[in-house]
Amino acid sequence: MKRIKRFNVWQTAKVVALMYFLIIAIFMIPLGLIGSIAGGLFDSAFPFGGIMLIFLPFVYGVIIFLITALGCALYNLVSGWVGGIEVEVEVVEE
């Protein structure tokens, strides 16, 4: 049995934020570009809607970074009191 004792707050928050950014950017940036073009063609009442979709992945990335950092810090605090999460690992030979 192995136990996760603590998470490196900075490193874990960077990785999770980048994963969320990439996942959201794959969908929102193309939709934002299409929305900007379509909004300009059809004289939309909200012409910045497409542009906002381009910037939202960056906003989500920052928010997810902060939430993950807080979550890691809380986990490290709680795991110091009650122990970490136990994980069973198996060595597999190729």
PDB file of N, CA and C in Angstrom:
ATOM      1  N   MET A   1       0.847  -1.169   0.000  1.00  0.00           N
ATOM      2  CA  MET A   1       0.000   0.000   0.000  1.00  0.00           C
ATOM      3  C   MET A   1       0.892   1.232   0.000  1.00  0.00           C
ATOM      4  N   LYS A   2       0.576   2.191  -0.817  1.00  0.00           N
ATOM      5  CA  LYS A   2       1.292   3.467  -0.877  1.00  0.00           C
ATOM      6  C   LYS A   2       0.348   4.561  -0.402  1.00  0.00           C
ATOM      7  N   ARG A   3       0.927   5.639   0.124  1.00  0.00           N
ATOM      8  CA  ARG A   3       0.101   6.729   0.625  1.00  0.00           C
ATOM      9  C   ARG A   3       0.553   8.037  -0.013  1.00  0.00           C
ATOM     10  N   ILE A   4      -0.423   8.818  -0.490  1.00  0.00           N
ATOM     11  CA  ILE A   4      -0.129  10.159  -0.989  1.00  0.00           C
ATOM     12  C   ILE A   4      -0.045  11.059   0.233  1.00  0.00           C
ATOM     13  N   LYS A   5       1.158  11.508   0.528  1.00  0.00           N
ATOM     14  CA  LYS A   5       1.367  12.297   1.739  1.00  0.00           C
ATOM     15  C   LYS A   5       1.024  13.760   1.516  1.00  0.00           C
ATOM     16  N   ARG A   6       1.486  14.321   0.402  1.00  0.00           N
ATOM     17  CA  ARG A   6       1.195  15.722   0.133  1.00  0.00           C
ATOM     18  C   ARG A   6       1.353  15.990  -1.354  1.00  0.00           C
ATOM     19  N   PHE A   7       0.738  17.078  -1.799  1.00  0.00           N
ATOM     20  CA  PHE A   7       0.855  17.550  -3.176  1.00  0.00           C
ATOM     21  C   PHE A   7       1.700  18.815  -3.176  1.00  0.00           C
ATOM     22  N   ASN A   8       2.551  18.971  -4.173  1.00  0.00           N
ATOM     23  CA  ASN A   8       3.236  20.232  -4.368  1.00  0.00           C
ATOM     24  C   ASN A   8       2.200  21.203  -4.943  1.00  0.00           C
ATOM     25  N   VAL A   9       1.826  22.201  -4.180  1.00  0.00           N
ATOM     26  CA  VAL A   9       0.723  23.093  -4.537  1.00  0.00           C
ATOM     27  C   VAL A   9       0.992  23.788  -5.872  1.00  0.00           C
ATOM     28  N   TRP A  10       2.146  24.392  -6.031  1.00  0.00           N
ATOM     29  CA  TRP A  10       2.460  25.158  -7.243  1.00  0.00           C
ATOM     30  C   TRP A  10       2.449  24.253  -8.474  1.00  0.00           C
ATOM     31  N   GLN A  11       3.134  23.120  -8.413  1.00  0.00           N
ATOM     32  CA  GLN A  11       3.248  22.236  -9.571  1.00  0.00           C
ATOM     33  C   GLN A  11       1.900  21.616  -9.943  1.00  0.00           C
ATOM     34  N   THR A  12       1.147  21.161  -8.959  1.00  0.00           N
ATOM     35  CA  THR A  12      -0.146  20.548  -9.232  1.00  0.00           C
ATOM     36  C   THR A  12      -1.117  21.567  -9.821  1.00  0.00           C
ATOM     37  N   ALA A  13      -1.125  22.774  -9.277  1.00  0.00           N
ATOM     38  CA  ALA A  13      -2.022  23.814  -9.787  1.00  0.00           C
ATOM     39  C   ALA A  13      -1.665  24.183 -11.221  1.00  0.00           C
ATOM     40  N   LYS A  14      -0.364  24.246 -11.553  1.00  0.00           N
ATOM     41  CA  LYS A  14       0.054  24.549 -12.930  1.00  0.00           C
ATOM     42  C   LYS A  14      -0.422  23.480 -13.895  1.00  0.00           C
ATOM     43  N   VAL A  15      -0.238  22.227 -13.538  1.00  0.00           N
ATOM     44  CA  VAL A  15      -0.602  21.128 -14.435  1.00  0.00           C
ATOM     45  C   VAL A  15      -2.115  21.084 -14.648  1.00  0.00           C
ATOM     46  N   VAL A  16      -2.888  21.173 -13.579  1.00  0.00           N
ATOM     47  CA  VAL A  16      -4.349  21.113 -13.706  1.00  0.00           C
ATOM     48  C   VAL A  16      -4.874  22.317 -14.479  1.00  0.00           C
ATOM     49  N   ALA A  17      -4.363  23.502 -14.212  1.00  0.00           N
ATOM     50  CA  ALA A  17      -4.811  24.699 -14.931  1.00  0.00           C
ATOM     51  C   ALA A  17      -4.494  24.590 -16.417  1.00  0.00           C
ATOM     52  N   LEU A  18      -3.319  24.094 -16.764  1.00  0.00           N
ATOM     53  CA  LEU A  18      -2.962  23.945 -18.172  1.00  0.00           C
ATOM     54  C   LEU A  18      -3.832  22.896 -18.861  1.00  0.00           C
ATOM     55  N   MET A  19      -4.139  21.807 -18.156  1.00  0.00           N
ATOM     56  CA  MET A  19      -5.030  20.790 -18.740  1.00  0.00           C
ATOM     57  C   MET A  19      -6.408  21.392 -19.034  1.00  0.00           C
ATOM     58  N   TYR A  20      -6.973  22.106 -18.085  1.00  0.00           N
ATOM     59  CA  TYR A  20      -8.278  22.743 -18.291  1.00  0.00           C
ATOM     60  C   TYR A  20      -8.208  23.769 -19.412  1.00  0.00           C
ATOM     61  N   PHE A  21      -7.146  24.577 -19.436  1.00  0.00           N
ATOM     62  CA  PHE A  21      -6.988  25.574 -20.491  1.00  0.00           C
ATOM     63  C   PHE A  21      -7.008  24.918 -21.863  1.00  0.00           C
ATOM     64  N   LEU A  22      -6.225  23.862 -22.035  1.00  0.00           N
ATOM     65  CA  LEU A  22      -6.149  23.197 -23.337  1.00  0.00           C
ATOM     66  C   LEU A  22      -7.482  22.583 -23.746  1.00  0.00           C
ATOM     67  N   ILE A  23      -8.147  21.937 -22.810  1.00  0.00           N
ATOM     68  CA  ILE A  23      -9.444  21.320 -23.121  1.00  0.00           C
ATOM     69  C   ILE A  23     -10.459  22.385 -23.524  1.00  0.00           C
ATOM     70  N   ILE A  24     -10.535  23.466 -22.779  1.00  0.00           N
ATOM     71  CA  ILE A  24     -11.498  24.525 -23.069  1.00  0.00           C
ATOM     72  C   ILE A  24     -11.111  25.280 -24.337  1.00  0.00           C
ATOM     73  N   ALA A  25      -9.808  25.516 -24.528  1.00  0.00           N
ATOM     74  CA  ALA A  25      -9.352  26.262 -25.706  1.00  0.00           C
ATOM     75  C   ALA A  25      -9.665  25.515 -26.999  1.00  0.00           C
ATOM     76  N   ILE A  26      -9.575  24.205 -26.970  1.00  0.00           N
ATOM     77  CA  ILE A  26      -9.857  23.407 -28.170  1.00  0.00           C
ATOM     78  C   ILE A  26     -11.270  23.676 -28.677  1.00  0.00           C
ATOM     79  N   PHE A  27     -12.196  23.911 -27.769  1.00  0.00           N
ATOM     80  CA  PHE A  27     -13.587  24.139 -28.171  1.00  0.00           C
ATOM     81  C   PHE A  27     -13.939  25.621 -28.301  1.00  0.00           C
ATOM     82  N   MET A  28     -13.488  26.431 -27.359  1.00  0.00           N
ATOM     83  CA  MET A  28     -13.959  27.816 -27.310  1.00  0.00           C
ATOM     84  C   MET A  28     -13.283  28.739 -28.321  1.00  0.00           C
ATOM     85  N   ILE A  29     -12.004  28.553 -28.580  1.00  0.00           N
ATOM     86  CA  ILE A  29     -11.328  29.458 -29.513  1.00  0.00           C
ATOM     87  C   ILE A  29     -11.906  29.332 -30.924  1.00  0.00           C
ATOM     88  N   PRO A  30     -12.072  28.110 -31.469  1.00  0.00           N
ATOM     89  CA  PRO A  30     -12.716  28.030 -32.788  1.00  0.00           C
ATOM     90  C   PRO A  30     -14.141  28.586 -32.783  1.00  0.00           C
ATOM     91  N   LEU A  31     -14.900  28.307 -31.730  1.00  0.00           N
ATOM     92  CA  LEU A  31     -16.261  28.850 -31.649  1.00  0.00           C
ATOM     93  C   LEU A  31     -16.235  30.371 -31.554  1.00  0.00           C
ATOM     94  N   GLY A  32     -15.268  30.912 -30.839  1.00  0.00           N
ATOM     95  CA  GLY A  32     -15.144  32.365 -30.732  1.00  0.00           C
ATOM     96  C   GLY A  32     -14.813  33.008 -32.062  1.00  0.00           C
ATOM     97  N   LEU A  33     -13.927  32.382 -32.820  1.00  0.00           N
ATOM     98  CA  LEU A  33     -13.590  32.920 -34.136  1.00  0.00           C
ATOM     99  C   LEU A  33     -14.783  32.874 -35.079  1.00  0.00           C
ATOM    100  N   ILE A  34     -15.485  31.768 -35.070  1.00  0.00           N
ATOM    101  CA  ILE A  34     -16.686  31.645 -35.908  1.00  0.00           C
ATOM    102  C   ILE A  34     -17.735  32.655 -35.465  1.00  0.00           C
ATOM    103  N   GLY A  35     -17.909  32.801 -34.152  1.00  0.00           N
ATOM    104  CA  GLY A  35     -18.881  33.761 -33.639  1.00  0.00           C
ATOM    105  C   GLY A  35     -18.531  35.196 -33.985  1.00  0.00           C
ATOM    106  N   SER A  36     -17.246  35.517 -33.956  1.00  0.00           N
ATOM    107  CA  SER A  36     -16.824  36.876 -34.316  1.00  0.00           C
ATOM    108  C   SER A  36     -17.117  37.163 -35.779  1.00  0.00           C
ATOM    109  N   ILE A  37     -16.819  36.192 -36.623  1.00  0.00           N
ATOM    110  CA  ILE A  37     -17.074  36.367 -38.059  1.00  0.00           C
ATOM    111  C   ILE A  37     -18.572  36.449 -38.322  1.00  0.00           C
ATOM    112  N   ALA A  38     -19.326  35.533 -37.732  1.00  0.00           N
ATOM    113  CA  ALA A  38     -20.778  35.520 -37.952  1.00  0.00           C
ATOM    114  C   ALA A  38     -21.423  36.766 -37.359  1.00  0.00           C
ATOM    115  N   GLY A  39     -20.962  37.211 -36.204  1.00  0.00           N
ATOM    116  CA  GLY A  39     -21.513  38.418 -35.582  1.00  0.00           C
ATOM    117  C   GLY A  39     -21.274  39.642 -36.438  1.00  0.00           C
ATOM    118  N   GLY A  40     -20.110  39.709 -37.057  1.00  0.00           N
ATOM    119  CA  GLY A  40     -19.802  40.830 -37.935  1.00  0.00           C
ATOM    120  C   GLY A  40     -20.624  40.804 -39.213  1.00  0.00           C
ATOM    121  N   LEU A  41     -20.905  39.603 -39.702  1.00  0.00           N
ATOM    122  CA  LEU A  41     -21.675  39.479 -40.942  1.00  0.00           C
ATOM    123  C   LEU A  41     -23.147  39.816 -40.745  1.00  0.00           C
ATOM    124  N   PHE A  42     -23.675  39.427 -39.590  1.00  0.00           N
ATOM    125  CA  PHE A  42     -25.103  39.583 -39.362  1.00  0.00           C
ATOM    126  C   PHE A  42     -25.438  40.753 -38.457  1.00  0.00           C
ATOM    127  N   ASP A  43     -24.467  41.617 -38.164  1.00  0.00           N
ATOM    128  CA  ASP A  43     -24.683  42.797 -37.323  1.00  0.00           C
ATOM    129  C   ASP A  43     -25.360  42.408 -36.016  1.00  0.00           C
ATOM    130  N   SER A  44     -24.704  41.525 -35.302  1.00  0.00           N
ATOM    131  CA  SER A  44     -25.243  40.985 -34.058  1.00  0.00           C
ATOM    132  C   SER A  44     -25.418  42.083 -33.006  1.00  0.00           C
ATOM    133  N   ALA A  45     -26.371  41.878 -32.111  1.00  0.00           N
ATOM    134  CA  ALA A  45     -26.598  42.825 -31.022  1.00  0.00           C
ATOM    135  C   ALA A  45     -25.464  42.755 -30.002  1.00  0.00           C
ATOM    136  N   PHE A  46     -24.731  41.650 -29.958  1.00  0.00           N
ATOM    137  CA  PHE A  46     -23.619  41.475 -29.026  1.00  0.00           C
ATOM    138  C   PHE A  46     -22.378  41.069 -29.825  1.00  0.00           C
ATOM    139  N   PRO A  47     -21.710  42.038 -30.463  1.00  0.00           N
ATOM    140  CA  PRO A  47     -20.615  41.708 -31.379  1.00  0.00           C
ATOM    141  C   PRO A  47     -19.364  41.159 -30.701  1.00  0.00           C
ATOM    142  N   PHE A  48     -19.231  41.338 -29.385  1.00  0.00           N
ATOM    143  CA  PHE A  48     -18.033  40.874 -28.701  1.00  0.00           C
ATOM    144  C   PHE A  48     -18.176  39.461 -28.151  1.00  0.00           C
ATOM    145  N   GLY A  49     -19.302  38.817 -28.415  1.00  0.00           N
ATOM    146  CA  GLY A  49     -19.519  37.458 -27.910  1.00  0.00           C
ATOM    147  C   GLY A  49     -18.467  36.489 -28.382  1.00  0.00           C
ATOM    148  N   GLY A  50     -18.119  36.558 -29.646  1.00  0.00           N
ATOM    149  CA  GLY A  50     -17.100  35.664 -30.180  1.00  0.00           C
ATOM    150  C   GLY A  50     -15.731  35.945 -29.603  1.00  0.00           C
ATOM    151  N   ILE A  51     -15.413  37.216 -29.429  1.00  0.00           N
ATOM    152  CA  ILE A  51     -14.112  37.592 -28.872  1.00  0.00           C
ATOM    153  C   ILE A  51     -14.007  37.118 -27.424  1.00  0.00           C
ATOM    154  N   MET A  52     -15.097  37.189 -26.684  1.00  0.00           N
ATOM    155  CA  MET A  52     -15.075  36.736 -25.291  1.00  0.00           C
ATOM    156  C   MET A  52     -14.779  35.241 -25.212  1.00  0.00           C
ATOM    157  N   LEU A  53     -15.294  34.461 -26.156  1.00  0.00           N
ATOM    158  CA  LEU A  53     -15.019  33.026 -26.137  1.00  0.00           C
ATOM    159  C   LEU A  53     -13.540  32.741 -26.361  1.00  0.00           C
ATOM    160  N   ILE A  54     -12.848  33.624 -27.041  1.00  0.00           N
ATOM    161  CA  ILE A  54     -11.412  33.436 -27.247  1.00  0.00           C
ATOM    162  C   ILE A  54     -10.652  33.668 -25.937  1.00  0.00           C
ATOM    163  N   PHE A  55     -11.094  34.629 -25.124  1.00  0.00           N
ATOM    164  CA  PHE A  55     -10.397  34.959 -23.886  1.00  0.00           C
ATOM    165  C   PHE A  55     -10.837  34.126 -22.690  1.00  0.00           C
ATOM    166  N   LEU A  56     -11.988  33.471 -22.757  1.00  0.00           N
ATOM    167  CA  LEU A  56     -12.476  32.686 -21.624  1.00  0.00           C
ATOM    168  C   LEU A  56     -11.540  31.550 -21.216  1.00  0.00           C
ATOM    169  N   PRO A  57     -10.877  30.845 -22.141  1.00  0.00           N
ATOM    170  CA  PRO A  57      -9.945  29.804 -21.675  1.00  0.00           C
ATOM    171  C   PRO A  57      -8.849  30.349 -20.757  1.00  0.00           C
ATOM    172  N   PHE A  58      -8.395  31.569 -21.007  1.00  0.00           N
ATOM    173  CA  PHE A  58      -7.384  32.168 -20.141  1.00  0.00           C
ATOM    174  C   PHE A  58      -7.963  32.480 -18.761  1.00  0.00           C
ATOM    175  N   VAL A  59      -9.190  32.992 -18.737  1.00  0.00           N
ATOM    176  CA  VAL A  59      -9.861  33.286 -17.468  1.00  0.00           C
ATOM    177  C   VAL A  59     -10.092  31.986 -16.693  1.00  0.00           C
ATOM    178  N   TYR A  60     -10.583  30.953 -17.385  1.00  0.00           N
ATOM    179  CA  TYR A  60     -10.789  29.666 -16.731  1.00  0.00           C
ATOM    180  C   TYR A  60      -9.473  29.108 -16.203  1.00  0.00           C
ATOM    181  N   GLY A  61      -8.405  29.246 -16.977  1.00  0.00           N
ATOM    182  CA  GLY A  61      -7.108  28.745 -16.538  1.00  0.00           C
ATOM    183  C   GLY A  61      -6.666  29.375 -15.225  1.00  0.00           C
ATOM    184  N   VAL A  62      -6.834  30.682 -15.096  1.00  0.00           N
ATOM    185  CA  VAL A  62      -6.453  31.380 -13.865  1.00  0.00           C
ATOM    186  C   VAL A  62      -7.336  30.938 -12.700  1.00  0.00           C
ATOM    187  N   ILE A  63      -8.635  30.856 -12.942  1.00  0.00           N
ATOM    188  CA  ILE A  63      -9.559  30.450 -11.875  1.00  0.00           C
ATOM    189  C   ILE A  63      -9.280  29.022 -11.426  1.00  0.00           C
ATOM    190  N   ILE A  64      -9.084  28.112 -12.369  1.00  0.00           N
ATOM    191  CA  ILE A  64      -8.799  26.717 -12.023  1.00  0.00           C
ATOM    192  C   ILE A  64      -7.465  26.609 -11.289  1.00  0.00           C
ATOM    193  N   PHE A  65      -6.473  27.420 -11.682  1.00  0.00           N
ATOM    194  CA  PHE A  65      -5.190  27.423 -10.982  1.00  0.00           C
ATOM    195  C   PHE A  65      -5.403  27.772  -9.507  1.00  0.00           C
ATOM    196  N   LEU A  66      -6.162  28.835  -9.248  1.00  0.00           N
ATOM    197  CA  LEU A  66      -6.389  29.269  -7.865  1.00  0.00           C
ATOM    198  C   LEU A  66      -7.165  28.229  -7.065  1.00  0.00           C
ATOM    199  N   ILE A  67      -8.190  27.641  -7.678  1.00  0.00           N
ATOM    200  CA  ILE A  67      -8.998  26.633  -6.984  1.00  0.00           C
ATOM    201  C   ILE A  67      -8.157  25.395  -6.692  1.00  0.00           C
ATOM    202  N   THR A  68      -7.334  24.965  -7.651  1.00  0.00           N
ATOM    203  CA  THR A  68      -6.495  23.789  -7.442  1.00  0.00           C
ATOM    204  C   THR A  68      -5.453  24.051  -6.360  1.00  0.00           C
ATOM    205  N   ALA A  69      -4.847  25.233  -6.373  1.00  0.00           N
ATOM    206  CA  ALA A  69      -3.865  25.570  -5.340  1.00  0.00           C
ATOM    207  C   ALA A  69      -4.506  25.534  -3.960  1.00  0.00           C
ATOM    208  N   LEU A  70      -5.698  26.083  -3.841  1.00  0.00           N
ATOM    209  CA  LEU A  70      -6.412  26.045  -2.566  1.00  0.00           C
ATOM    210  C   LEU A  70      -6.729  24.610  -2.162  1.00  0.00           C
ATOM    211  N   GLY A  71      -7.190  23.810  -3.120  1.00  0.00           N
ATOM    212  CA  GLY A  71      -7.511  22.411  -2.832  1.00  0.00           C
ATOM    213  C   GLY A  71      -6.288  21.624  -2.386  1.00  0.00           C
ATOM    214  N   CYS A  72      -5.147  21.839  -3.032  1.00  0.00           N
ATOM    215  CA  CYS A  72      -3.912  21.150  -2.641  1.00  0.00           C
ATOM    216  C   CYS A  72      -3.465  21.572  -1.253  1.00  0.00           C
ATOM    217  N   ALA A  73      -3.542  22.854  -0.982  1.00  0.00           N
ATOM    218  CA  ALA A  73      -3.146  23.346   0.334  1.00  0.00           C
ATOM    219  C   ALA A  73      -4.038  22.744   1.426  1.00  0.00           C
ATOM    220  N   LEU A  74      -5.338  22.678   1.165  1.00  0.00           N
ATOM    221  CA  LEU A  74      -6.253  22.075   2.138  1.00  0.00           C
ATOM    222  C   LEU A  74      -5.973  20.585   2.300  1.00  0.00           C
ATOM    223  N   TYR A  75      -5.711  19.886   1.185  1.00  0.00           N
ATOM    224  CA  TYR A  75      -5.386  18.462   1.280  1.00  0.00           C
ATOM    225  C   TYR A  75      -4.139  18.264   2.130  1.00  0.00           C
ATOM    226  N   ASN A  76      -3.105  19.059   1.877  1.00  0.00           N
ATOM    227  CA  ASN A  76      -1.869  18.915   2.643  1.00  0.00           C
ATOM    228  C   ASN A  76      -2.105  19.153   4.131  1.00  0.00           C
ATOM    229  N   LEU A  77      -2.958  20.115   4.448  1.00  0.00           N
ATOM    230  CA  LEU A  77      -3.279  20.400   5.846  1.00  0.00           C
ATOM    231  C   LEU A  77      -4.024  19.226   6.479  1.00  0.00           C
ATOM    232  N   VAL A  78      -5.068  18.760   5.827  1.00  0.00           N
ATOM    233  CA  VAL A  78      -5.899  17.682   6.368  1.00  0.00           C
ATOM    234  C   VAL A  78      -5.122  16.368   6.427  1.00  0.00           C
ATOM    235  N   SER A  79      -4.323  16.097   5.390  1.00  0.00           N
ATOM    236  CA  SER A  79      -3.585  14.825   5.386  1.00  0.00           C
ATOM    237  C   SER A  79      -2.545  14.789   6.508  1.00  0.00           C
ATOM    238  N   GLY A  80      -2.095  15.952   6.948  1.00  0.00           N
ATOM    239  CA  GLY A  80      -1.192  16.002   8.095  1.00  0.00           C
ATOM    240  C   GLY A  80      -1.891  15.599   9.387  1.00  0.00           C
ATOM    241  N   TRP A  81      -3.182  15.832   9.454  1.00  0.00           N
ATOM    242  CA  TRP A  81      -3.952  15.484  10.649  1.00  0.00           C
ATOM    243  C   TRP A  81      -4.386  14.022  10.657  1.00  0.00           C
ATOM    244  N   VAL A  82      -4.901  13.553   9.515  1.00  0.00           N
ATOM    245  CA  VAL A  82      -5.533  12.225   9.489  1.00  0.00           C
ATOM    246  C   VAL A  82      -4.806  11.226   8.600  1.00  0.00           C
ATOM    247  N   GLY A  83      -3.730  11.622   7.980  1.00  0.00           N
ATOM    248  CA  GLY A  83      -3.029  10.730   7.056  1.00  0.00           C
ATOM    249  C   GLY A  83      -3.499  10.999   5.640  1.00  0.00           C
ATOM    250  N   GLY A  84      -2.709  10.571   4.684  1.00  0.00           N
ATOM    251  CA  GLY A  84      -3.043  10.829   3.277  1.00  0.00           C
ATOM    252  C   GLY A  84      -3.969   9.782   2.703  1.00  0.00           C
ATOM    253  N   ILE A  85      -4.197   9.883   1.413  1.00  0.00           N
ATOM    254  CA  ILE A  85      -5.018   8.908   0.692  1.00  0.00           C
ATOM    255  C   ILE A  85      -4.141   7.698   0.399  1.00  0.00           C
ATOM    256  N   GLU A  86      -4.630   6.510   0.747  1.00  0.00           N
ATOM    257  CA  GLU A  86      -3.867   5.307   0.484  1.00  0.00           C
ATOM    258  C   GLU A  86      -4.221   4.762  -0.892  1.00  0.00           C
ATOM    259  N   VAL A  87      -3.177   4.373  -1.616  1.00  0.00           N
ATOM    260  CA  VAL A  87      -3.342   3.867  -2.973  1.00  0.00           C
ATOM    261  C   VAL A  87      -2.575   2.562  -3.082  1.00  0.00           C
ATOM    262  N   GLU A  88      -3.196   1.559  -3.657  1.00  0.00           N
ATOM    263  CA  GLU A  88      -2.503   0.299  -3.898  1.00  0.00           C
ATOM    264  C   GLU A  88      -1.954   0.325  -5.310  1.00  0.00           C
ATOM    265  N   VAL A  89      -0.663   0.075  -5.440  1.00  0.00           N
ATOM    266  CA  VAL A  89      -0.031   0.079  -6.748  1.00  0.00           C
ATOM    267  C   VAL A  89       0.509  -1.305  -7.056  1.00  0.00           C
ATOM    268  N   GLU A  90       0.621  -1.604  -8.329  1.00  0.00           N
ATOM    269  CA  GLU A  90       1.112  -2.905  -8.775  1.00  0.00           C
ATOM    270  C   GLU A  90       2.209  -2.675  -9.808  1.00  0.00           C
ATOM    271  N   VAL A  91       3.310  -3.389  -9.669  1.00  0.00           N
ATOM    272  CA  VAL A  91       4.396  -3.293 -10.629  1.00  0.00           C
ATOM    273  C   VAL A  91       4.097  -4.243 -11.775  1.00  0.00           C
ATOM    274  N   VAL A  92       4.099  -3.709 -12.998  1.00  0.00           N
ATOM    275  CA  VAL A  92       3.805  -4.512 -14.190  1.00  0.00           C
ATOM    276  C   VAL A  92       5.064  -4.576 -15.035  1.00  0.00           C
ATOM    277  N   GLU A  93       5.489  -5.762 -15.362  1.00  0.00           N
ATOM    278  CA  GLU A  93       6.669  -5.932 -16.211  1.00  0.00           C
ATOM    279  C   GLU A  93       6.231  -6.022 -17.656  1.00  0.00           C
ATOM    280  N   GLU A  94       6.998  -5.370 -18.522  1.00  0.00           N
ATOM    281  CA  GLU A  94       6.650  -5.387 -19.949  1.00  0.00           C
ATOM    282  C   GLU A  94       7.335  -6.504 -20.676  1.00  0.00           C
TER     283      GLU A  94
END
